[in-house]
């Protein structure tokens, strides 16, 4: 039996806690007011986790030493973009919120969750999967076959 399972609405608070772990490790506390955004985000996340056939999935591992807590999280969305030669149907996976509780690291949990999410993308016809990698996580992604791309990404905050 796999340690990895699909996250449920009951996991929402723990999913947000692990997302905050990821944010704090990547952005060194740049997202102030964590409790405020968690409270506002919780109902939306619960609803998204309840929809098992949609374009969003999260895979988790239960914490082996803390009942009710999660040890690892990987979340992703399936997006549509107008097709092109190497992806005629335009299905693209996007991975985000890869996080492992600090006391549960180096046990293969993030890799196991990533493998489940990648299979979920394959089953839905995604031909590409994108993610943003921290320097610390890049070896994991490279081992799974991800490569750096020359992406001139920009963002506008609305």
N, C-alpha and C. Protein backbone atom coordinates (compact mmCIF):
# COMPACT_ATOMS: atom_id res chain seq x y z
N UNK A 1 0.84 -1.18 0.00
CA UNK A 1 0.00 0.00 0.00
C UNK A 1 0.89 1.25 0.00
N UNK A 2 0.56 2.20 -0.84
CA UNK A 2 1.33 3.44 -0.96
C UNK A 2 1.07 4.35 0.23
N UNK A 3 2.10 5.08 0.61
CA UNK A 3 1.95 6.09 1.66
C UNK A 3 1.19 7.30 1.16
N UNK A 4 1.18 7.49 -0.15
CA UNK A 4 0.58 8.68 -0.75
C UNK A 4 -0.91 8.47 -0.95
N UNK A 5 -1.67 9.51 -0.67
CA UNK A 5 -3.10 9.47 -0.92
C UNK A 5 -3.54 10.83 -1.45
N UNK A 6 -4.69 10.85 -2.07
CA UNK A 6 -5.28 12.10 -2.55
C UNK A 6 -5.79 12.89 -1.34
N UNK A 7 -5.50 14.16 -1.28
CA UNK A 7 -5.96 15.01 -0.18
C UNK A 7 -7.47 15.15 -0.23
N UNK A 8 -8.09 15.26 0.93
CA UNK A 8 -9.54 15.41 1.06
C UNK A 8 -9.86 16.77 1.68
N UNK A 9 -11.12 17.16 1.67
CA UNK A 9 -11.48 18.44 2.30
C UNK A 9 -11.07 18.51 3.78
N UNK A 10 -11.06 17.37 4.45
CA UNK A 10 -10.66 17.34 5.86
C UNK A 10 -9.18 17.68 6.05
N UNK A 11 -8.39 17.58 4.99
CA UNK A 11 -6.95 17.90 5.05
C UNK A 11 -6.66 19.38 4.81
N UNK A 12 -7.67 20.17 4.52
CA UNK A 12 -7.44 21.54 4.05
C UNK A 12 -6.57 22.37 4.99
N UNK A 13 -6.83 22.34 6.28
CA UNK A 13 -6.03 23.15 7.21
C UNK A 13 -4.57 22.72 7.19
N UNK A 14 -4.33 21.42 7.13
CA UNK A 14 -2.95 20.92 7.08
C UNK A 14 -2.29 21.24 5.74
N UNK A 15 -3.06 21.20 4.66
CA UNK A 15 -2.52 21.58 3.36
C UNK A 15 -2.06 23.04 3.41
N UNK A 16 -2.87 23.90 4.01
CA UNK A 16 -2.48 25.32 4.13
C UNK A 16 -1.25 25.47 5.03
N UNK A 17 -1.17 24.68 6.09
CA UNK A 17 0.01 24.75 6.97
C UNK A 17 1.26 24.38 6.19
N UNK A 18 1.20 23.30 5.41
CA UNK A 18 2.38 22.91 4.63
C UNK A 18 2.67 23.91 3.52
N UNK A 19 1.65 24.50 2.95
CA UNK A 19 1.90 25.56 1.95
C UNK A 19 2.67 26.70 2.61
N UNK A 20 2.31 27.04 3.84
CA UNK A 20 3.02 28.10 4.55
C UNK A 20 4.47 27.69 4.82
N UNK A 21 4.71 26.42 5.13
CA UNK A 21 6.08 25.92 5.29
C UNK A 21 6.87 26.18 4.00
N UNK A 22 6.27 25.87 2.85
CA UNK A 22 6.92 26.09 1.57
C UNK A 22 7.17 27.58 1.33
N UNK A 23 6.17 28.39 1.57
CA UNK A 23 6.31 29.84 1.36
C UNK A 23 7.42 30.39 2.24
N UNK A 24 7.42 30.01 3.50
CA UNK A 24 8.45 30.51 4.42
C UNK A 24 9.84 30.07 4.03
N UNK A 25 9.97 28.85 3.50
CA UNK A 25 11.31 28.37 3.13
C UNK A 25 11.81 29.01 1.84
N UNK A 26 10.91 29.31 0.92
CA UNK A 26 11.31 29.89 -0.36
C UNK A 26 11.43 31.41 -0.28
N UNK A 27 10.49 32.04 0.41
CA UNK A 27 10.44 33.50 0.41
C UNK A 27 10.84 34.13 1.74
N UNK A 28 11.31 33.34 2.68
CA UNK A 28 11.81 33.82 3.96
C UNK A 28 10.86 34.80 4.63
N UNK A 29 9.62 34.38 4.81
CA UNK A 29 8.65 35.17 5.56
C UNK A 29 8.04 36.33 4.81
N UNK A 30 8.11 36.34 3.50
CA UNK A 30 7.59 37.47 2.73
C UNK A 30 6.07 37.57 2.78
N UNK A 31 5.38 36.48 3.09
CA UNK A 31 3.91 36.49 3.11
C UNK A 31 3.42 36.73 4.53
N UNK A 32 3.34 37.96 4.93
CA UNK A 32 2.89 38.30 6.27
C UNK A 32 1.41 38.03 6.43
N UNK A 33 0.95 37.97 7.67
CA UNK A 33 -0.46 37.77 7.95
C UNK A 33 -0.95 36.39 7.58
N UNK A 34 -0.16 35.35 7.88
CA UNK A 34 -0.50 33.99 7.47
C UNK A 34 -1.88 33.59 7.96
N UNK A 35 -2.19 33.86 9.21
CA UNK A 35 -3.48 33.41 9.75
C UNK A 35 -4.63 34.05 8.97
N UNK A 36 -4.49 35.29 8.58
CA UNK A 36 -5.55 35.96 7.84
C UNK A 36 -5.82 35.29 6.50
N UNK A 37 -4.78 35.03 5.73
CA UNK A 37 -5.03 34.43 4.42
C UNK A 37 -5.45 32.97 4.56
N UNK A 38 -4.98 32.26 5.58
CA UNK A 38 -5.41 30.88 5.77
C UNK A 38 -6.92 30.83 6.02
N UNK A 39 -7.40 31.69 6.88
CA UNK A 39 -8.83 31.72 7.20
C UNK A 39 -9.66 32.02 5.96
N UNK A 40 -9.21 32.97 5.16
CA UNK A 40 -9.94 33.33 3.95
C UNK A 40 -9.86 32.24 2.88
N UNK A 41 -8.74 31.54 2.82
CA UNK A 41 -8.51 30.53 1.79
C UNK A 41 -9.18 29.18 2.10
N UNK A 42 -9.38 28.88 3.36
CA UNK A 42 -9.86 27.56 3.78
C UNK A 42 -11.14 27.09 3.08
N UNK A 43 -12.21 27.87 3.00
CA UNK A 43 -13.43 27.38 2.33
C UNK A 43 -13.21 27.06 0.84
N UNK A 44 -12.44 27.89 0.17
CA UNK A 44 -12.17 27.65 -1.25
C UNK A 44 -11.37 26.37 -1.43
N UNK A 45 -10.35 26.18 -0.60
CA UNK A 45 -9.53 24.98 -0.70
C UNK A 45 -10.36 23.73 -0.39
N UNK A 46 -11.18 23.79 0.63
CA UNK A 46 -12.03 22.63 0.95
C UNK A 46 -12.91 22.25 -0.26
N UNK A 47 -13.49 23.25 -0.90
CA UNK A 47 -14.34 23.00 -2.07
C UNK A 47 -13.53 22.39 -3.21
N UNK A 48 -12.33 22.89 -3.44
CA UNK A 48 -11.48 22.36 -4.52
C UNK A 48 -11.05 20.93 -4.22
N UNK A 49 -10.75 20.63 -2.96
CA UNK A 49 -10.35 19.27 -2.59
C UNK A 49 -11.51 18.29 -2.70
N UNK A 50 -12.73 18.78 -2.60
CA UNK A 50 -13.92 17.92 -2.71
C UNK A 50 -14.19 17.51 -4.15
N UNK A 51 -13.71 18.28 -5.11
CA UNK A 51 -13.95 18.00 -6.53
C UNK A 51 -12.91 17.06 -7.09
N UNK A 52 -13.18 15.76 -7.09
CA UNK A 52 -12.17 14.78 -7.52
C UNK A 52 -12.01 14.69 -9.04
N UNK A 53 -12.93 15.26 -9.82
CA UNK A 53 -12.83 15.16 -11.27
C UNK A 53 -12.43 16.46 -11.95
N UNK A 54 -12.04 17.46 -11.18
CA UNK A 54 -11.73 18.76 -11.75
C UNK A 54 -10.30 18.86 -12.24
N UNK A 55 -9.83 20.10 -12.31
CA UNK A 55 -8.51 20.38 -12.85
C UNK A 55 -7.47 20.63 -11.75
N UNK A 56 -7.80 20.30 -10.51
CA UNK A 56 -6.91 20.50 -9.36
C UNK A 56 -6.77 19.20 -8.59
N UNK A 57 -5.55 18.90 -8.16
CA UNK A 57 -5.32 17.72 -7.31
C UNK A 57 -4.21 18.01 -6.33
N UNK A 58 -4.33 17.43 -5.16
CA UNK A 58 -3.27 17.49 -4.16
C UNK A 58 -3.05 16.08 -3.63
N UNK A 59 -1.80 15.71 -3.49
CA UNK A 59 -1.44 14.41 -2.96
C UNK A 59 -0.61 14.63 -1.70
N UNK A 60 -0.85 13.80 -0.70
CA UNK A 60 -0.24 14.00 0.61
C UNK A 60 0.25 12.68 1.19
N UNK A 61 1.10 12.81 2.21
CA UNK A 61 1.53 11.69 3.04
C UNK A 61 1.21 12.08 4.47
N UNK A 62 0.55 11.19 5.19
CA UNK A 62 0.26 11.44 6.60
C UNK A 62 1.55 11.40 7.41
N UNK A 63 1.63 12.26 8.41
CA UNK A 63 2.82 12.31 9.25
C UNK A 63 2.89 11.05 10.11
N UNK A 64 4.01 10.33 10.07
CA UNK A 64 4.09 9.06 10.80
C UNK A 64 4.13 9.22 12.32
N UNK A 65 4.55 10.38 12.81
CA UNK A 65 4.66 10.57 14.26
C UNK A 65 3.60 11.49 14.86
N UNK A 66 2.82 12.16 14.01
CA UNK A 66 1.83 13.12 14.53
C UNK A 66 0.47 12.84 13.91
N UNK A 67 -0.38 12.08 14.58
CA UNK A 67 -1.70 11.78 14.04
C UNK A 67 -2.47 13.07 13.70
N UNK A 68 -3.09 13.06 12.54
CA UNK A 68 -3.86 14.22 12.10
C UNK A 68 -3.04 15.25 11.34
N UNK A 69 -1.72 15.09 11.34
CA UNK A 69 -0.85 16.02 10.63
C UNK A 69 -0.38 15.39 9.32
N UNK A 70 0.00 16.23 8.39
CA UNK A 70 0.56 15.77 7.12
C UNK A 70 2.08 15.95 7.14
N UNK A 71 2.77 15.01 6.52
CA UNK A 71 4.23 15.09 6.41
C UNK A 71 4.65 15.75 5.11
N UNK A 72 3.87 15.55 4.03
CA UNK A 72 4.26 16.07 2.72
C UNK A 72 3.04 16.39 1.89
N UNK A 73 3.24 17.31 0.96
CA UNK A 73 2.18 17.81 0.09
C UNK A 73 2.75 18.11 -1.28
N UNK A 74 2.00 17.77 -2.31
CA UNK A 74 2.25 18.23 -3.67
C UNK A 74 0.89 18.57 -4.27
N UNK A 75 0.78 19.74 -4.88
CA UNK A 75 -0.47 20.16 -5.50
C UNK A 75 -0.20 20.60 -6.92
N UNK A 76 -1.23 20.45 -7.76
CA UNK A 76 -1.08 20.86 -9.15
C UNK A 76 -2.41 21.09 -9.83
N UNK A 77 -2.33 21.78 -10.94
CA UNK A 77 -3.51 22.04 -11.75
C UNK A 77 -3.24 21.60 -13.18
N UNK A 78 -4.31 21.24 -13.85
CA UNK A 78 -4.25 20.94 -15.27
C UNK A 78 -4.83 22.14 -15.99
N UNK A 79 -4.06 22.69 -16.91
CA UNK A 79 -4.46 23.90 -17.62
C UNK A 79 -4.61 23.63 -19.11
N UNK A 80 -5.42 24.43 -19.76
CA UNK A 80 -5.54 24.37 -21.21
C UNK A 80 -4.84 25.58 -21.80
N UNK A 81 -4.03 25.32 -22.80
CA UNK A 81 -3.42 26.37 -23.62
C UNK A 81 -3.64 25.96 -25.07
N UNK A 82 -3.77 26.89 -25.94
CA UNK A 82 -3.96 26.55 -27.34
C UNK A 82 -2.82 25.63 -27.76
N UNK A 83 -3.16 24.55 -28.48
CA UNK A 83 -2.18 23.55 -28.85
C UNK A 83 -1.05 24.07 -29.71
N UNK A 84 -0.04 23.23 -29.82
CA UNK A 84 1.11 23.50 -30.69
C UNK A 84 1.68 22.15 -31.11
N UNK A 85 2.71 22.13 -31.92
CA UNK A 85 3.21 20.88 -32.52
C UNK A 85 3.52 19.80 -31.49
N UNK A 86 4.15 20.15 -30.38
CA UNK A 86 4.52 19.13 -29.41
C UNK A 86 3.46 18.91 -28.32
N UNK A 87 2.33 19.59 -28.45
CA UNK A 87 1.23 19.42 -27.50
C UNK A 87 -0.07 19.86 -28.19
N UNK A 88 -0.55 19.08 -29.17
CA UNK A 88 -1.68 19.51 -29.98
C UNK A 88 -2.97 19.76 -29.22
N UNK A 89 -3.17 19.09 -28.09
CA UNK A 89 -4.40 19.28 -27.31
C UNK A 89 -4.27 20.37 -26.25
N UNK A 90 -3.05 20.87 -26.06
CA UNK A 90 -2.84 22.01 -25.18
C UNK A 90 -2.99 21.73 -23.69
N UNK A 91 -2.91 20.48 -23.27
CA UNK A 91 -3.02 20.16 -21.84
C UNK A 91 -1.65 20.27 -21.20
N UNK A 92 -1.56 21.13 -20.17
CA UNK A 92 -0.30 21.38 -19.47
C UNK A 92 -0.55 21.27 -17.97
N UNK A 93 0.29 20.51 -17.31
CA UNK A 93 0.23 20.43 -15.86
C UNK A 93 1.09 21.51 -15.24
N UNK A 94 0.65 22.02 -14.10
CA UNK A 94 1.45 22.99 -13.36
C UNK A 94 1.55 22.52 -11.91
N UNK A 95 2.76 22.30 -11.44
CA UNK A 95 3.02 21.84 -10.08
C UNK A 95 3.33 23.04 -9.20
N UNK A 96 2.75 23.05 -8.00
CA UNK A 96 3.05 24.10 -7.03
C UNK A 96 2.86 23.52 -5.63
N UNK A 97 3.29 24.24 -4.64
CA UNK A 97 3.12 23.84 -3.24
C UNK A 97 3.68 22.46 -2.94
N UNK A 98 4.90 22.23 -3.34
CA UNK A 98 5.61 21.02 -2.95
C UNK A 98 6.25 21.33 -1.60
N UNK A 99 5.82 20.62 -0.57
CA UNK A 99 6.32 20.92 0.77
C UNK A 99 6.41 19.66 1.61
N UNK A 100 7.44 19.61 2.43
CA UNK A 100 7.60 18.53 3.41
C UNK A 100 7.84 19.18 4.76
N UNK A 101 7.16 18.68 5.77
CA UNK A 101 7.36 19.16 7.13
C UNK A 101 8.84 19.02 7.47
N UNK A 102 9.44 20.03 8.09
CA UNK A 102 10.88 19.96 8.37
C UNK A 102 11.32 18.70 9.11
N UNK A 103 10.49 18.18 10.01
CA UNK A 103 10.91 16.99 10.76
C UNK A 103 10.62 15.68 10.02
N UNK A 104 10.15 15.77 8.78
CA UNK A 104 9.85 14.56 8.00
C UNK A 104 10.62 14.54 6.69
N UNK A 105 11.64 15.37 6.56
CA UNK A 105 12.39 15.45 5.30
C UNK A 105 13.36 14.29 5.15
N UNK A 106 13.81 14.10 3.90
CA UNK A 106 14.80 13.09 3.52
C UNK A 106 14.28 11.67 3.69
N UNK A 107 12.96 11.49 3.52
CA UNK A 107 12.34 10.16 3.61
C UNK A 107 11.68 9.75 2.29
N UNK A 108 11.79 10.58 1.27
CA UNK A 108 11.22 10.25 -0.03
C UNK A 108 9.75 10.61 -0.19
N UNK A 109 9.19 11.34 0.77
CA UNK A 109 7.77 11.67 0.70
C UNK A 109 7.44 12.60 -0.46
N UNK A 110 8.23 13.65 -0.65
CA UNK A 110 7.96 14.59 -1.74
C UNK A 110 8.06 13.89 -3.09
N UNK A 111 9.07 13.04 -3.25
CA UNK A 111 9.22 12.28 -4.51
C UNK A 111 8.00 11.40 -4.75
N UNK A 112 7.55 10.69 -3.73
CA UNK A 112 6.39 9.81 -3.87
C UNK A 112 5.14 10.61 -4.25
N UNK A 113 4.95 11.76 -3.62
CA UNK A 113 3.80 12.61 -3.96
C UNK A 113 3.92 13.13 -5.39
N UNK A 114 5.13 13.55 -5.78
CA UNK A 114 5.33 14.03 -7.15
C UNK A 114 5.02 12.93 -8.17
N UNK A 115 5.44 11.72 -7.91
CA UNK A 115 5.18 10.62 -8.84
C UNK A 115 3.68 10.40 -9.01
N UNK A 116 2.91 10.51 -7.93
CA UNK A 116 1.45 10.36 -8.02
C UNK A 116 0.84 11.50 -8.83
N UNK A 117 1.30 12.73 -8.59
CA UNK A 117 0.77 13.87 -9.33
C UNK A 117 1.11 13.75 -10.82
N UNK A 118 2.33 13.35 -11.13
CA UNK A 118 2.73 13.19 -12.53
C UNK A 118 1.87 12.12 -13.22
N UNK A 119 1.55 11.06 -12.51
CA UNK A 119 0.66 10.04 -13.08
C UNK A 119 -0.74 10.61 -13.30
N UNK A 120 -1.22 11.42 -12.37
CA UNK A 120 -2.53 12.08 -12.51
C UNK A 120 -2.54 12.94 -13.77
N UNK A 121 -1.44 13.69 -14.01
CA UNK A 121 -1.34 14.50 -15.23
C UNK A 121 -1.36 13.61 -16.47
N UNK A 122 -0.58 12.52 -16.46
CA UNK A 122 -0.53 11.61 -17.62
C UNK A 122 -1.92 11.07 -17.94
N UNK A 123 -2.63 10.64 -16.91
CA UNK A 123 -3.97 10.07 -17.12
C UNK A 123 -4.93 11.08 -17.75
N UNK A 124 -4.67 12.36 -17.58
CA UNK A 124 -5.53 13.40 -18.12
C UNK A 124 -5.00 13.99 -19.43
N UNK A 125 -3.95 13.39 -19.98
CA UNK A 125 -3.47 13.79 -21.29
C UNK A 125 -2.51 14.96 -21.32
N UNK A 126 -1.96 15.35 -20.18
CA UNK A 126 -0.99 16.46 -20.19
C UNK A 126 0.27 16.00 -20.93
N UNK A 127 0.78 16.86 -21.79
CA UNK A 127 2.00 16.55 -22.53
C UNK A 127 3.21 17.25 -21.94
N UNK A 128 2.97 18.30 -21.15
CA UNK A 128 4.04 19.03 -20.49
C UNK A 128 3.63 19.28 -19.04
N UNK A 129 4.64 19.41 -18.19
CA UNK A 129 4.40 19.79 -16.81
C UNK A 129 5.42 20.86 -16.45
N UNK A 130 4.92 21.98 -15.94
CA UNK A 130 5.77 23.11 -15.54
C UNK A 130 5.79 23.25 -14.03
N UNK A 131 6.89 23.78 -13.53
CA UNK A 131 6.99 24.13 -12.12
C UNK A 131 8.10 25.15 -11.95
N UNK A 132 8.09 25.81 -10.81
CA UNK A 132 9.18 26.70 -10.41
C UNK A 132 9.96 25.97 -9.33
N UNK A 133 11.28 25.91 -9.47
CA UNK A 133 12.10 25.13 -8.56
C UNK A 133 13.01 26.01 -7.72
N UNK A 134 13.01 25.74 -6.43
CA UNK A 134 14.02 26.36 -5.57
C UNK A 134 15.33 25.62 -5.81
N UNK A 135 16.45 26.23 -5.46
CA UNK A 135 17.74 25.57 -5.62
C UNK A 135 17.79 24.28 -4.82
N UNK A 136 17.19 24.28 -3.64
CA UNK A 136 17.19 23.10 -2.78
C UNK A 136 16.41 21.94 -3.40
N UNK A 137 15.32 22.23 -4.10
CA UNK A 137 14.47 21.17 -4.66
C UNK A 137 14.86 20.77 -6.07
N UNK A 138 15.69 21.54 -6.73
CA UNK A 138 16.01 21.25 -8.12
C UNK A 138 16.56 19.84 -8.35
N UNK A 139 17.40 19.28 -7.49
CA UNK A 139 17.87 17.90 -7.74
C UNK A 139 16.73 16.87 -7.79
N UNK A 140 15.72 17.03 -6.96
CA UNK A 140 14.56 16.13 -7.00
C UNK A 140 13.88 16.21 -8.35
N UNK A 141 13.61 17.43 -8.82
CA UNK A 141 12.91 17.60 -10.09
C UNK A 141 13.75 17.10 -11.26
N UNK A 142 15.05 17.37 -11.21
CA UNK A 142 15.94 16.88 -12.28
C UNK A 142 15.93 15.35 -12.32
N UNK A 143 15.92 14.71 -11.16
CA UNK A 143 15.88 13.25 -11.11
C UNK A 143 14.58 12.69 -11.70
N UNK A 144 13.52 13.49 -11.66
CA UNK A 144 12.24 13.08 -12.24
C UNK A 144 12.14 13.43 -13.73
N UNK A 145 13.18 14.09 -14.29
CA UNK A 145 13.21 14.39 -15.71
C UNK A 145 12.95 15.84 -16.08
N UNK A 146 12.71 16.71 -15.11
CA UNK A 146 12.49 18.13 -15.40
C UNK A 146 13.81 18.77 -15.84
N UNK A 147 13.70 19.73 -16.75
CA UNK A 147 14.86 20.49 -17.21
C UNK A 147 14.53 21.98 -17.15
N UNK A 148 15.55 22.79 -16.96
CA UNK A 148 15.35 24.25 -16.98
C UNK A 148 14.94 24.67 -18.38
N UNK A 149 14.09 25.66 -18.46
CA UNK A 149 13.69 26.19 -19.77
C UNK A 149 13.94 27.70 -19.78
N UNK A 150 14.22 28.22 -20.95
CA UNK A 150 14.47 29.67 -21.06
C UNK A 150 13.15 30.42 -21.12
N UNK A 151 12.50 30.54 -19.99
CA UNK A 151 11.17 31.12 -19.93
C UNK A 151 11.23 32.58 -19.49
N UNK A 152 10.83 33.48 -20.33
CA UNK A 152 10.85 34.90 -19.96
C UNK A 152 9.58 35.31 -19.21
N UNK A 153 9.26 34.58 -18.15
CA UNK A 153 8.03 34.83 -17.42
C UNK A 153 8.00 36.22 -16.79
N UNK A 154 6.81 36.78 -16.76
CA UNK A 154 6.55 38.05 -16.08
C UNK A 154 5.24 37.89 -15.33
N UNK A 155 4.99 38.76 -14.35
CA UNK A 155 3.75 38.67 -13.59
C UNK A 155 3.23 40.08 -13.29
N UNK A 156 1.92 40.20 -13.31
CA UNK A 156 1.24 41.42 -12.91
C UNK A 156 0.33 41.06 -11.74
N UNK A 157 0.46 41.75 -10.63
CA UNK A 157 -0.43 41.54 -9.48
C UNK A 157 -1.66 42.42 -9.65
N UNK A 158 -2.84 41.83 -9.65
CA UNK A 158 -4.09 42.58 -9.80
C UNK A 158 -4.74 42.81 -8.46
